Amino acid sequence: MFDPFGDFRTAGYLRNVEGLTDLEKVKIQEHVFFEANFEEALAFLGKAKGAITYEHFLEVHRILFGEFYPWAGQDRRALGVGRFVAKGSQVQFEASERCQRAVEWGLQMGNDPATHRAQPGTVMGAFAWGHPFLDGNGRTMLLVHAELCQRAGFGIDWRASHKGSFLDALTRELADPAGKHLDRYQLPLAAPVATGSTLLDQLRAVPGLDGQEEAVDQNIAYQADDPQAIQTYLETKRARGEPLGDGLGGPRTSPGPGPSGP
């Protein structure tokens, strides 16, 4: 059971406001709140002046899930839990003290229209690698990504996507960003920019939008000083071709999270 706070039995899954411990019911409620706040979050992004920032990223999460998770809008570092998080045995995410940097790397690319048009999957992969929240990362990054696509003059036709293929590309991207797996998946789905209900319909077609795949492949949180978690993290960083730093293996030698992004 994913229990980074260590109080699942008394406070429910991730301290949700209803104290629910049944994961199936939790996911249903998450999706209820997501559906209820979906358009407000998109409107918030649409009204944002200038570049989309990490603060916007946090606020989208708060809008979507704040009525269910009191901590919504705060990342893992701010909460002081979940330094190392993995999904199942296949996916390792960035350490909490570096999650903002990873997301900001994606935003730096995504806020440049030409870069975003050429590398939409790389941008999404950066957001996914950062994984700043204990839950709701996929739906938050999707809305931010959609806004960046709108600003760059295109959209991703998620109705033409396939859940298994998308999740496979995402998993490969996290392990090997230099392989550009998500770019190869998303670029053929690029379509003219959508507006209004068309955009909403397209986003609702994204594979796994209801979060139900998380109930099958649950996150795992490790203690901040867990030696095996640290070793796995360092191996993941090396496999991704990233320099090691911040006390986790050596000094950082480049300004970005890695040679090919986070």
Protein backbone atom coordinates (compact mmCIF):
# COMPACT_ATOMS: atom_id res chain seq x y z
CA MET A 1 0.00 0.00 0.00
CA PHE A 2 1.29 3.46 -0.95
CA ASP A 3 1.50 5.12 2.47
CA PRO A 4 4.15 7.87 2.48
CA PHE A 5 2.53 9.64 5.47
CA GLY A 6 2.51 6.42 7.48
CA ASP A 7 -1.06 6.89 8.72
CA PHE A 8 -3.15 4.96 6.20
CA ARG A 9 -5.14 3.09 8.87
CA THR A 10 -6.17 6.21 10.76
CA ALA A 11 -6.35 8.91 8.04
CA GLY A 12 -7.15 6.88 4.93
CA TYR A 13 -5.32 6.79 1.63
CA LEU A 14 -3.09 9.88 1.40
CA ARG A 15 -5.17 11.65 4.08
CA ASN A 16 -8.17 12.14 1.80
CA VAL A 17 -10.99 14.19 3.33
CA GLU A 18 -13.33 11.20 3.53
CA GLY A 19 -10.78 8.92 5.20
CA LEU A 20 -11.28 6.27 2.51
CA THR A 21 -9.04 3.20 2.58
CA ASP A 22 -10.63 1.26 -0.27
CA LEU A 23 -8.42 2.11 -3.25
CA GLU A 24 -11.16 1.47 -5.80
CA LYS A 25 -13.44 3.97 -4.03
CA VAL A 26 -10.56 6.43 -3.74
CA LYS A 27 -9.96 6.36 -7.49
CA ILE A 28 -13.65 6.84 -8.18
CA GLN A 29 -13.75 9.89 -5.90
CA GLU A 30 -10.57 11.29 -7.41
CA HIS A 31 -12.16 11.13 -10.83
CA VAL A 32 -15.37 12.73 -9.57
CA PHE A 33 -13.42 15.74 -8.32
CA PHE A 34 -11.30 15.82 -11.46
CA GLU A 35 -14.40 15.89 -13.67
CA ALA A 36 -15.97 18.59 -11.50
CA ASN A 37 -12.91 20.86 -11.65
CA PHE A 38 -11.55 20.00 -15.08
CA GLU A 39 -12.89 23.06 -16.89
CA GLU A 40 -11.93 25.46 -14.08
CA ALA A 41 -8.33 24.26 -14.26
CA LEU A 42 -8.22 24.67 -18.04
CA ALA A 43 -9.74 28.17 -17.72
CA PHE A 44 -7.10 29.08 -15.14
CA LEU A 45 -4.33 28.05 -17.51
CA GLY A 46 -5.99 29.82 -20.42
CA LYS A 47 -6.00 33.11 -18.49
CA ALA A 48 -2.38 32.81 -17.37
CA LYS A 49 -0.28 35.70 -18.64
CA GLY A 50 3.22 35.01 -19.86
CA ALA A 51 5.01 31.70 -19.51
CA ILE A 52 3.47 28.77 -17.65
CA THR A 53 5.47 28.33 -14.44
CA TYR A 54 5.88 25.71 -11.74
CA GLU A 55 3.50 27.75 -9.60
CA HIS A 56 0.84 27.33 -12.30
CA PHE A 57 1.57 23.60 -12.29
CA LEU A 58 0.98 23.45 -8.53
CA GLU A 59 -2.20 25.51 -8.75
CA VAL A 60 -3.71 23.25 -11.42
CA HIS A 61 -3.22 20.31 -9.07
CA ARG A 62 -4.83 22.25 -6.22
CA ILE A 63 -7.85 23.17 -8.37
CA LEU A 64 -8.33 19.59 -9.51
CA PHE A 65 -7.88 17.75 -6.23
CA GLY A 66 -7.97 20.26 -3.37
CA GLU A 67 -11.48 19.27 -2.32
CA PHE A 68 -10.37 15.66 -1.84
CA TYR A 69 -6.74 15.93 -0.76
CA PRO A 70 -6.01 18.77 1.73
CA TRP A 71 -2.35 18.75 0.64
CA ALA A 72 -3.17 19.23 -3.06
CA GLY A 73 -0.98 21.86 -4.71
CA GLN A 74 2.05 20.95 -2.59
CA ASP A 75 4.83 18.81 -4.02
CA ARG A 76 6.64 15.93 -2.35
CA ARG A 77 9.48 18.12 -1.19
CA ALA A 78 7.15 20.63 0.51
CA LEU A 79 5.30 17.78 2.22
CA GLY A 80 8.53 16.18 3.39
CA VAL A 81 7.45 12.67 2.37
CA GLY A 82 7.93 10.41 -0.65
CA ARG A 83 11.53 11.35 -1.40
CA PHE A 84 11.82 8.20 -3.51
CA VAL A 85 8.73 6.96 -5.32
CA ALA A 86 8.42 4.16 -7.85
CA LYS A 87 5.50 2.70 -9.76
CA GLY A 88 5.53 -1.07 -9.62
CA SER A 89 8.90 -2.52 -10.57
CA GLN A 90 9.31 -0.70 -13.88
CA VAL A 91 9.24 3.04 -13.22
CA GLN A 92 11.40 5.15 -10.93
CA PHE A 93 10.73 8.88 -10.55
CA GLU A 94 12.96 11.84 -9.73
CA ALA A 95 13.93 12.43 -6.09
CA SER A 96 11.65 14.91 -4.32
CA GLU A 97 14.34 17.57 -3.89
CA ARG A 98 14.78 17.65 -7.67
CA CYS A 99 11.18 17.23 -8.85
CA GLN A 100 10.64 20.97 -9.35
CA ARG A 101 13.80 21.22 -11.44
CA ALA A 102 12.62 18.39 -13.69
CA VAL A 103 9.18 19.95 -14.23
CA GLU A 104 10.73 23.36 -14.86
CA TRP A 105 13.00 21.81 -17.47
CA GLY A 106 9.88 20.57 -19.24
CA LEU A 107 8.24 23.98 -18.89
CA GLN A 108 11.30 25.69 -20.32
CA MET A 109 10.98 23.55 -23.44
CA GLY A 110 7.19 23.68 -23.53
CA ASN A 111 6.97 27.47 -23.25
CA ASP A 112 8.95 27.76 -26.48
CA PRO A 113 6.40 27.08 -29.27
CA ALA A 114 8.94 25.79 -31.80
CA THR A 115 10.53 23.43 -29.29
CA HIS A 116 7.16 22.19 -28.08
CA ARG A 117 5.92 21.52 -31.61
CA ALA A 118 9.07 19.51 -32.33
CA GLN A 119 9.29 17.67 -28.99
CA PRO A 120 5.88 17.41 -27.30
CA GLY A 121 6.71 13.98 -25.92
CA THR A 122 9.98 15.17 -24.42
CA VAL A 123 8.07 17.88 -22.59
CA MET A 124 5.52 15.42 -21.23
CA GLY A 125 8.31 13.02 -20.30
CA ALA A 126 9.98 15.73 -18.22
CA PHE A 127 6.74 16.32 -16.31
CA ALA A 128 6.26 12.59 -15.77
CA TRP A 129 9.84 12.11 -14.56
CA GLY A 130 9.47 14.96 -12.08
CA HIS A 131 6.32 13.37 -10.59
CA PRO A 132 5.98 16.15 -7.99
CA PHE A 133 2.72 15.01 -6.38
CA LEU A 134 1.81 11.99 -4.32
CA ASP A 135 -1.16 11.42 -6.65
CA GLY A 136 -2.81 13.12 -9.62
CA ASN A 137 0.41 13.74 -11.57
CA GLY A 138 -0.84 12.38 -14.89
CA ARG A 139 -4.00 14.44 -15.00
CA THR A 140 -2.21 17.60 -13.90
CA MET A 141 0.56 17.31 -16.45
CA LEU A 142 -1.97 16.51 -19.16
CA LEU A 143 -3.82 19.80 -18.69
CA VAL A 144 -0.60 21.81 -18.57
CA HIS A 145 0.67 20.00 -21.64
CA ALA A 146 -2.62 20.69 -23.46
CA GLU A 147 -2.33 24.42 -22.71
CA LEU A 148 1.24 24.48 -24.00
CA CYS A 149 0.06 22.70 -27.16
CA GLN A 150 -2.70 25.29 -27.60
CA ARG A 151 -0.16 28.10 -27.31
CA ALA A 152 2.08 26.38 -29.86
CA GLY A 153 -0.81 26.09 -32.32
CA PHE A 154 -1.52 22.37 -32.30
CA GLY A 155 -3.07 19.62 -30.24
CA ILE A 156 -2.63 15.90 -29.61
CA ASP A 157 -5.50 13.83 -30.99
CA TRP A 158 -5.78 11.48 -28.04
CA ARG A 159 -8.86 9.87 -29.59
CA ALA A 160 -6.51 8.18 -32.04
CA SER A 161 -4.25 6.87 -29.27
CA HIS A 162 -4.18 3.46 -27.60
CA LYS A 163 -3.80 3.01 -23.85
CA GLY A 164 -1.29 0.17 -23.99
CA SER A 165 0.89 1.85 -26.59
CA PHE A 166 0.82 5.17 -24.77
CA LEU A 167 1.77 3.68 -21.39
CA ASP A 168 4.52 1.63 -23.03
CA ALA A 169 5.95 4.75 -24.69
CA LEU A 170 5.74 6.64 -21.39
CA THR A 171 7.53 3.87 -19.50
CA ARG A 172 10.27 3.75 -22.13
CA GLU A 173 10.60 7.53 -22.04
CA LEU A 174 11.15 7.55 -18.28
CA ALA A 175 13.87 4.92 -18.55
CA ASP A 176 15.53 6.27 -21.69
CA PRO A 177 14.67 9.90 -22.55
CA ALA A 178 17.39 9.99 -25.22
CA GLY A 179 15.33 7.48 -27.17
CA LYS A 180 12.56 10.08 -27.74
CA HIS A 181 9.91 7.39 -27.31
CA LEU A 182 7.09 9.82 -26.47
CA ASP A 183 8.00 12.14 -29.33
CA ARG A 184 7.72 9.23 -31.73
CA TYR A 185 4.36 8.36 -30.20
CA GLN A 186 2.85 11.85 -30.03
CA LEU A 187 4.09 13.52 -33.21
CA PRO A 188 1.93 11.35 -35.52
CA LEU A 189 -1.06 12.35 -33.33
CA ALA A 190 -0.41 16.07 -33.72
CA ALA A 191 -3.46 17.85 -35.14
CA PRO A 192 -4.77 21.39 -35.71
CA VAL A 193 -5.43 23.27 -32.49
CA ALA A 194 -8.74 22.43 -30.83
CA THR A 195 -10.99 24.86 -28.99
CA GLY A 196 -13.89 24.71 -26.56
CA SER A 197 -15.71 21.42 -26.18
CA THR A 198 -13.50 19.81 -28.84
CA LEU A 199 -10.47 20.19 -26.59
CA LEU A 200 -12.40 18.83 -23.62
CA ASP A 201 -13.55 15.84 -25.65
CA GLN A 202 -10.02 15.13 -26.83
CA LEU A 203 -8.59 15.33 -23.33
CA ARG A 204 -11.25 13.01 -21.96
CA ALA A 205 -10.04 10.45 -24.51
CA VAL A 206 -6.54 10.29 -23.02
CA PRO A 207 -5.64 6.72 -22.00
CA GLY A 208 -5.84 6.23 -18.25
CA LEU A 209 -7.37 9.65 -17.57
CA ASP A 210 -9.62 8.17 -14.89
CA GLY A 211 -6.55 7.01 -12.96
CA GLN A 212 -7.74 3.44 -12.81
CA GLU A 213 -4.43 2.02 -14.03
CA GLU A 214 -2.90 3.32 -10.79
CA ALA A 215 -5.09 0.93 -8.83
CA VAL A 216 -3.43 -1.96 -10.63
CA ASP A 217 0.16 -0.68 -10.70
CA GLN A 218 0.38 1.12 -7.39
CA ASN A 219 3.04 3.60 -6.34
CA ILE A 220 5.60 2.60 -3.73
CA ALA A 221 7.22 5.08 -1.34
CA TYR A 222 10.57 4.40 0.29
CA GLN A 223 12.23 5.91 3.32
CA ALA A 224 14.40 8.91 2.45
CA ASP A 225 17.56 7.07 3.57
CA ASP A 226 16.63 3.61 2.25
CA PRO A 227 19.93 2.30 0.81
CA GLN A 228 18.25 0.11 -1.80
CA ALA A 229 16.02 2.99 -2.95
CA ILE A 230 19.07 5.26 -3.24
CA GLN A 231 20.94 2.64 -5.23
CA THR A 232 17.99 2.06 -7.57
CA TYR A 233 17.61 5.81 -8.03
CA LEU A 234 21.29 6.25 -8.91
CA GLU A 235 21.12 3.35 -11.37
CA THR A 236 18.07 4.96 -12.98
CA LYS A 237 19.86 8.29 -13.28
CA ARG A 238 22.86 6.62 -14.93
CA ALA A 239 20.60 4.71 -17.32
CA ARG A 240 18.91 8.00 -18.26
CA GLY A 241 22.33 9.51 -19.02
CA GLU A 242 22.04 12.17 -16.32
CA PRO A 243 24.82 13.64 -14.18
CA LEU A 244 24.61 12.78 -10.52
CA GLY A 245 24.59 15.54 -7.93
CA ASP A 246 22.95 17.13 -4.91
CA GLY A 247 24.63 14.69 -2.55
CA LEU A 248 23.47 11.65 -4.51
CA GLY A 249 26.66 10.66 -6.24
CA GLY A 250 28.76 13.63 -7.30
CA PRO A 251 28.69 17.23 -8.48
CA ARG A 252 26.34 18.49 -11.16
CA THR A 253 28.18 19.53 -14.29
CA SER A 254 25.38 20.86 -16.54
CA PRO A 255 22.57 23.38 -16.06
CA GLY A 256 19.77 21.03 -17.09
CA PRO A 257 18.56 17.77 -15.54
CA GLY A 258 20.50 15.80 -18.14
CA PRO A 259 21.95 15.77 -21.65
CA SER A 260 18.56 15.16 -23.20
CA GLY A 261 16.33 16.74 -20.59
CA PRO A 262 15.21 15.34 -17.25
